[in-house]
C-alpha atoms as a PDB file:
ATOM      1  CA  UNK A   1     -30.764  24.813 -45.045  1.00  0.00           C
ATOM      2  CA  UNK A   2     -28.052  27.092 -46.375  1.00  0.00           C
ATOM      3  CA  UNK A   3     -24.396  26.869 -45.569  1.00  0.00           C
ATOM      4  CA  UNK A   4     -22.534  29.177 -43.280  1.00  0.00           C
ATOM      5  CA  UNK A   5     -19.268  30.723 -44.385  1.00  0.00           C
ATOM      6  CA  UNK A   6     -16.815  27.941 -45.328  1.00  0.00           C
ATOM      7  CA  UNK A   7     -13.536  28.518 -43.494  1.00  0.00           C
ATOM      8  CA  UNK A   8     -11.409  25.413 -44.169  1.00  0.00           C
ATOM      9  CA  UNK A   9     -11.466  22.998 -47.127  1.00  0.00           C
ATOM     10  CA  UNK A  10      -9.843  19.575 -47.609  1.00  0.00           C
ATOM     11  CA  UNK A  11     -10.058  16.930 -50.328  1.00  0.00           C
ATOM     12  CA  UNK A  12      -9.477  13.198 -50.130  1.00  0.00           C
ATOM     13  CA  UNK A  13      -9.764  10.544 -52.817  1.00  0.00           C
ATOM     14  CA  UNK A  14     -13.573  10.449 -52.587  1.00  0.00           C
ATOM     15  CA  UNK A  15     -14.880  13.661 -51.018  1.00  0.00           C
ATOM     16  CA  UNK A  16     -14.574  17.392 -50.569  1.00  0.00           C
ATOM     17  CA  UNK A  17     -14.823  18.463 -46.908  1.00  0.00           C
ATOM     18  CA  UNK A  18     -15.337  21.971 -45.491  1.00  0.00           C
ATOM     19  CA  UNK A  19     -16.028  23.683 -42.214  1.00  0.00           C
ATOM     20  CA  UNK A  20     -19.076  25.902 -41.841  1.00  0.00           C
ATOM     21  CA  UNK A  21     -18.944  28.986 -39.673  1.00  0.00           C
ATOM     22  CA  UNK A  22     -22.007  30.631 -38.167  1.00  0.00           C
ATOM     23  CA  UNK A  23     -24.865  29.762 -38.110  1.00  0.00           C
ATOM     24  CA  UNK A  24     -24.230  26.040 -38.754  1.00  0.00           C
ATOM     25  CA  UNK A  25     -20.946  25.303 -36.932  1.00  0.00           C
ATOM     26  CA  UNK A  26     -20.432  22.017 -38.703  1.00  0.00           C
ATOM     27  CA  UNK A  27     -18.272  20.049 -41.097  1.00  0.00           C
ATOM     28  CA  UNK A  28     -19.816  19.496 -44.520  1.00  0.00           C
ATOM     29  CA  UNK A  29     -19.055  16.826 -47.093  1.00  0.00           C
ATOM     30  CA  UNK A  30     -19.784  16.156 -50.769  1.00  0.00           C
ATOM     31  CA  UNK A  31     -18.673  13.578 -53.316  1.00  0.00           C
ATOM     32  CA  UNK A  32     -16.014  14.783 -55.756  1.00  0.00           C
ATOM     33  CA  UNK A  33     -18.620  14.903 -58.540  1.00  0.00           C
ATOM     34  CA  UNK A  34     -20.747  17.356 -56.504  1.00  0.00           C
ATOM     35  CA  UNK A  35     -23.409  14.855 -55.437  1.00  0.00           C
ATOM     36  CA  UNK A  36     -24.232  13.762 -51.900  1.00  0.00           C
ATOM     37  CA  UNK A  37     -23.877  17.234 -50.369  1.00  0.00           C
ATOM     38  CA  UNK A  38     -24.337  17.360 -46.610  1.00  0.00           C
ATOM     39  CA  UNK A  39     -23.820  20.782 -45.004  1.00  0.00           C
ATOM     40  CA  UNK A  40     -23.961  19.242 -41.525  1.00  0.00           C
ATOM     41  CA  UNK A  41     -22.208  15.890 -41.953  1.00  0.00           C
ATOM     42  CA  UNK A  42     -20.700  16.486 -38.495  1.00  0.00           C
ATOM     43  CA  UNK A  43     -22.290  19.004 -36.124  1.00  0.00           C
ATOM     44  CA  UNK A  44     -19.896  20.923 -33.893  1.00  0.00           C
ATOM     45  CA  UNK A  45     -20.580  23.114 -30.861  1.00  0.00           C
ATOM     46  CA  UNK A  46     -18.423  25.977 -32.050  1.00  0.00           C
ATOM     47  CA  UNK A  47     -16.630  27.120 -35.178  1.00  0.00           C
ATOM     48  CA  UNK A  48     -14.019  24.510 -36.219  1.00  0.00           C
ATOM     49  CA  UNK A  49     -10.476  25.914 -36.107  1.00  0.00           C
ATOM     50  CA  UNK A  50      -9.131  23.681 -38.870  1.00  0.00           C
ATOM     51  CA  UNK A  51      -9.736  20.565 -40.918  1.00  0.00           C
ATOM     52  CA  UNK A  52      -7.478  17.584 -41.579  1.00  0.00           C
ATOM     53  CA  UNK A  53      -8.312  14.511 -43.620  1.00  0.00           C
ATOM     54  CA  UNK A  54      -6.364  11.265 -43.473  1.00  0.00           C
ATOM     55  CA  UNK A  55      -5.499  10.931 -47.144  1.00  0.00           C
ATOM     56  CA  UNK A  56      -3.882   7.544 -46.568  1.00  0.00           C
ATOM     57  CA  UNK A  57      -7.199   5.824 -45.878  1.00  0.00           C
ATOM     58  CA  UNK A  58      -8.606   4.498 -49.130  1.00  0.00           C
ATOM     59  CA  UNK A  59     -12.365   4.699 -49.662  1.00  0.00           C
ATOM     60  CA  UNK A  60     -14.152   1.419 -49.184  1.00  0.00           C
ATOM     61  CA  UNK A  61     -12.704  -1.854 -48.033  1.00  0.00           C
ATOM     62  CA  UNK A  62      -9.640  -2.988 -49.924  1.00  0.00           C
ATOM     63  CA  UNK A  63      -9.557  -0.006 -52.272  1.00  0.00           C
ATOM     64  CA  UNK A  64      -6.239   1.213 -53.633  1.00  0.00           C
ATOM     65  CA  UNK A  65      -4.480   3.970 -51.703  1.00  0.00           C
ATOM     66  CA  UNK A  66      -4.464   7.421 -53.287  1.00  0.00           C
ATOM     67  CA  UNK A  67      -1.440   8.189 -55.476  1.00  0.00           C
ATOM     68  CA  UNK A  68       1.604  10.012 -54.122  1.00  0.00           C
ATOM     69  CA  UNK A  69       4.414  11.939 -55.744  1.00  0.00           C
ATOM     70  CA  UNK A  70       6.730   9.042 -54.895  1.00  0.00           C
ATOM     71  CA  UNK A  71       4.540   6.497 -56.661  1.00  0.00           C
ATOM     72  CA  UNK A  72       4.206   8.823 -59.638  1.00  0.00           C
ATOM     73  CA  UNK A  73       8.020   9.091 -59.826  1.00  0.00           C
ATOM     74  CA  UNK A  74       8.227   5.285 -59.779  1.00  0.00           C
ATOM     75  CA  UNK A  75       5.702   5.167 -62.618  1.00  0.00           C
ATOM     76  CA  UNK A  76       7.871   7.554 -64.659  1.00  0.00           C
ATOM     77  CA  UNK A  77      10.971   5.445 -63.971  1.00  0.00           C
ATOM     78  CA  UNK A  78       9.145   2.317 -65.101  1.00  0.00           C
ATOM     79  CA  UNK A  79       8.335   3.683 -68.548  1.00  0.00           C
ATOM     80  CA  UNK A  80      11.828   3.197 -69.976  1.00  0.00           C
ATOM     81  CA  UNK A  81      12.015   6.760 -71.282  1.00  0.00           C
ATOM     82  CA  UNK A  82      15.099   8.357 -72.796  1.00  0.00           C
ATOM     83  CA  UNK A  83      17.427   9.478 -69.999  1.00  0.00           C
ATOM     84  CA  UNK A  84      16.945  13.223 -70.630  1.00  0.00           C
ATOM     85  CA  UNK A  85      13.150  12.996 -70.697  1.00  0.00           C
ATOM     86  CA  UNK A  86      13.032  10.883 -67.555  1.00  0.00           C
ATOM     87  CA  UNK A  87      15.477  13.170 -65.742  1.00  0.00           C
ATOM     88  CA  UNK A  88      13.466  16.273 -66.644  1.00  0.00           C
ATOM     89  CA  UNK A  89      10.162  14.780 -65.464  1.00  0.00           C
ATOM     90  CA  UNK A  90      11.719  13.445 -62.256  1.00  0.00           C
ATOM     91  CA  UNK A  91      13.287  16.839 -61.497  1.00  0.00           C
ATOM     92  CA  UNK A  92       9.804  18.370 -61.420  1.00  0.00           C
ATOM     93  CA  UNK A  93       8.472  15.589 -59.195  1.00  0.00           C
ATOM     94  CA  UNK A  94      11.487  15.812 -56.865  1.00  0.00           C
ATOM     95  CA  UNK A  95      10.919  19.568 -56.574  1.00  0.00           C
ATOM     96  CA  UNK A  96       7.240  18.971 -55.807  1.00  0.00           C
ATOM     97  CA  UNK A  97       8.083  16.423 -53.101  1.00  0.00           C
ATOM     98  CA  UNK A  98      10.684  18.732 -51.591  1.00  0.00           C
ATOM     99  CA  UNK A  99       8.119  21.515 -51.471  1.00  0.00           C
ATOM    100  CA  UNK A 100       5.556  19.240 -49.801  1.00  0.00           C
ATOM    101  CA  UNK A 101       8.173  18.162 -47.248  1.00  0.00           C
ATOM    102  CA  UNK A 102       8.920  21.835 -46.523  1.00  0.00           C
ATOM    103  CA  UNK A 103       5.222  22.674 -46.165  1.00  0.00           C
ATOM    104  CA  UNK A 104       5.241  24.823 -49.298  1.00  0.00           C
ATOM    105  CA  UNK A 105       2.095  23.457 -50.921  1.00  0.00           C
ATOM    106  CA  UNK A 106       1.656  26.315 -53.390  1.00  0.00           C
ATOM    107  CA  UNK A 107       5.149  25.692 -54.771  1.00  0.00           C
ATOM    108  CA  UNK A 108       4.420  21.939 -54.884  1.00  0.00           C
ATOM    109  CA  UNK A 109       1.279  22.682 -56.889  1.00  0.00           C
ATOM    110  CA  UNK A 110       3.323  24.745 -59.350  1.00  0.00           C
ATOM    111  CA  UNK A 111       5.913  21.972 -59.732  1.00  0.00           C
ATOM    112  CA  UNK A 112       3.173  19.419 -60.410  1.00  0.00           C
ATOM    113  CA  UNK A 113       1.623  21.826 -62.904  1.00  0.00           C
ATOM    114  CA  UNK A 114       4.979  22.077 -64.686  1.00  0.00           C
ATOM    115  CA  UNK A 115       5.154  18.257 -64.722  1.00  0.00           C
ATOM    116  CA  UNK A 116       1.676  18.084 -66.298  1.00  0.00           C
ATOM    117  CA  UNK A 117       2.650  20.690 -68.897  1.00  0.00           C
ATOM    118  CA  UNK A 118       5.811  18.798 -69.860  1.00  0.00           C
ATOM    119  CA  UNK A 119       3.958  15.481 -70.081  1.00  0.00           C
ATOM    120  CA  UNK A 120       1.406  17.162 -72.343  1.00  0.00           C
ATOM    121  CA  UNK A 121       4.183  18.556 -74.530  1.00  0.00           C
ATOM    122  CA  UNK A 122       5.758  15.087 -74.848  1.00  0.00           C
ATOM    123  CA  UNK A 123       2.473  13.281 -75.613  1.00  0.00           C
ATOM    124  CA  UNK A 124       2.743  11.617 -79.011  1.00  0.00           C
ATOM    125  CA  UNK A 125       6.502  12.251 -79.035  1.00  0.00           C
ATOM    126  CA  UNK A 126       8.614  10.851 -76.203  1.00  0.00           C
ATOM    127  CA  UNK A 127       5.473   9.464 -74.484  1.00  0.00           C
ATOM    128  CA  UNK A 128       2.642   7.633 -76.186  1.00  0.00           C
ATOM    129  CA  UNK A 129      -0.797   9.144 -75.622  1.00  0.00           C
ATOM    130  CA  UNK A 130      -1.889   6.463 -73.127  1.00  0.00           C
ATOM    131  CA  UNK A 131       1.220   6.963 -70.997  1.00  0.00           C
ATOM    132  CA  UNK A 132       0.755  10.724 -71.053  1.00  0.00           C
ATOM    133  CA  UNK A 133      -2.933  10.462 -70.148  1.00  0.00           C
ATOM    134  CA  UNK A 134      -2.168   8.197 -67.181  1.00  0.00           C
ATOM    135  CA  UNK A 135       0.618  10.441 -65.872  1.00  0.00           C
ATOM    136  CA  UNK A 136      -1.534  13.569 -66.199  1.00  0.00           C
ATOM    137  CA  UNK A 137      -4.494  11.879 -64.499  1.00  0.00           C
ATOM    138  CA  UNK A 138      -2.341  10.737 -61.576  1.00  0.00           C
ATOM    139  CA  UNK A 139      -0.650  14.125 -61.173  1.00  0.00           C
ATOM    140  CA  UNK A 140      -4.076  15.810 -61.296  1.00  0.00           C
ATOM    141  CA  UNK A 141      -5.369  13.607 -58.463  1.00  0.00           C
ATOM    142  CA  UNK A 142      -2.280  14.419 -56.399  1.00  0.00           C
ATOM    143  CA  UNK A 143      -2.860  18.133 -57.032  1.00  0.00           C
ATOM    144  CA  UNK A 144      -6.448  17.741 -55.858  1.00  0.00           C
ATOM    145  CA  UNK A 145      -5.302  15.930 -52.723  1.00  0.00           C
ATOM    146  CA  UNK A 146      -2.900  18.794 -51.991  1.00  0.00           C
ATOM    147  CA  UNK A 147      -5.695  21.329 -52.470  1.00  0.00           C
ATOM    148  CA  UNK A 148      -4.186  22.948 -55.570  1.00  0.00           C
ATOM    149  CA  UNK A 149      -6.399  25.296 -57.522  1.00  0.00           C
END
């Protein structure tokens, strides 16, 4: 069975979700690694008019919640970085959170991208490689959860 025209897409910490337009009228789901694809995970009677995923529900019982910009900012503050480096990284995260709060997801994605770029530039300098890798990985997951491209 082939998919209809995907209209809406959402990502949580474990899956990619999409709505199918004609002829399927359904909600599809796949694992983040591309396996477990189901075009008709949920059948609907008509074309879905949107898609929302509760990103606060962790996959599986007792799993950790997905990361947030706030938790990422706390991680940065806990590294004991030089004041200027910490302030610069936090400014990007504060901008991203402000954009999310204002519903400006594209701008939030750009701010998180700038954060990732700065972390990469500081890797091996103001940040050790392990710290940088962890911060980039967390920011990348948050970008995925926001639907950034």
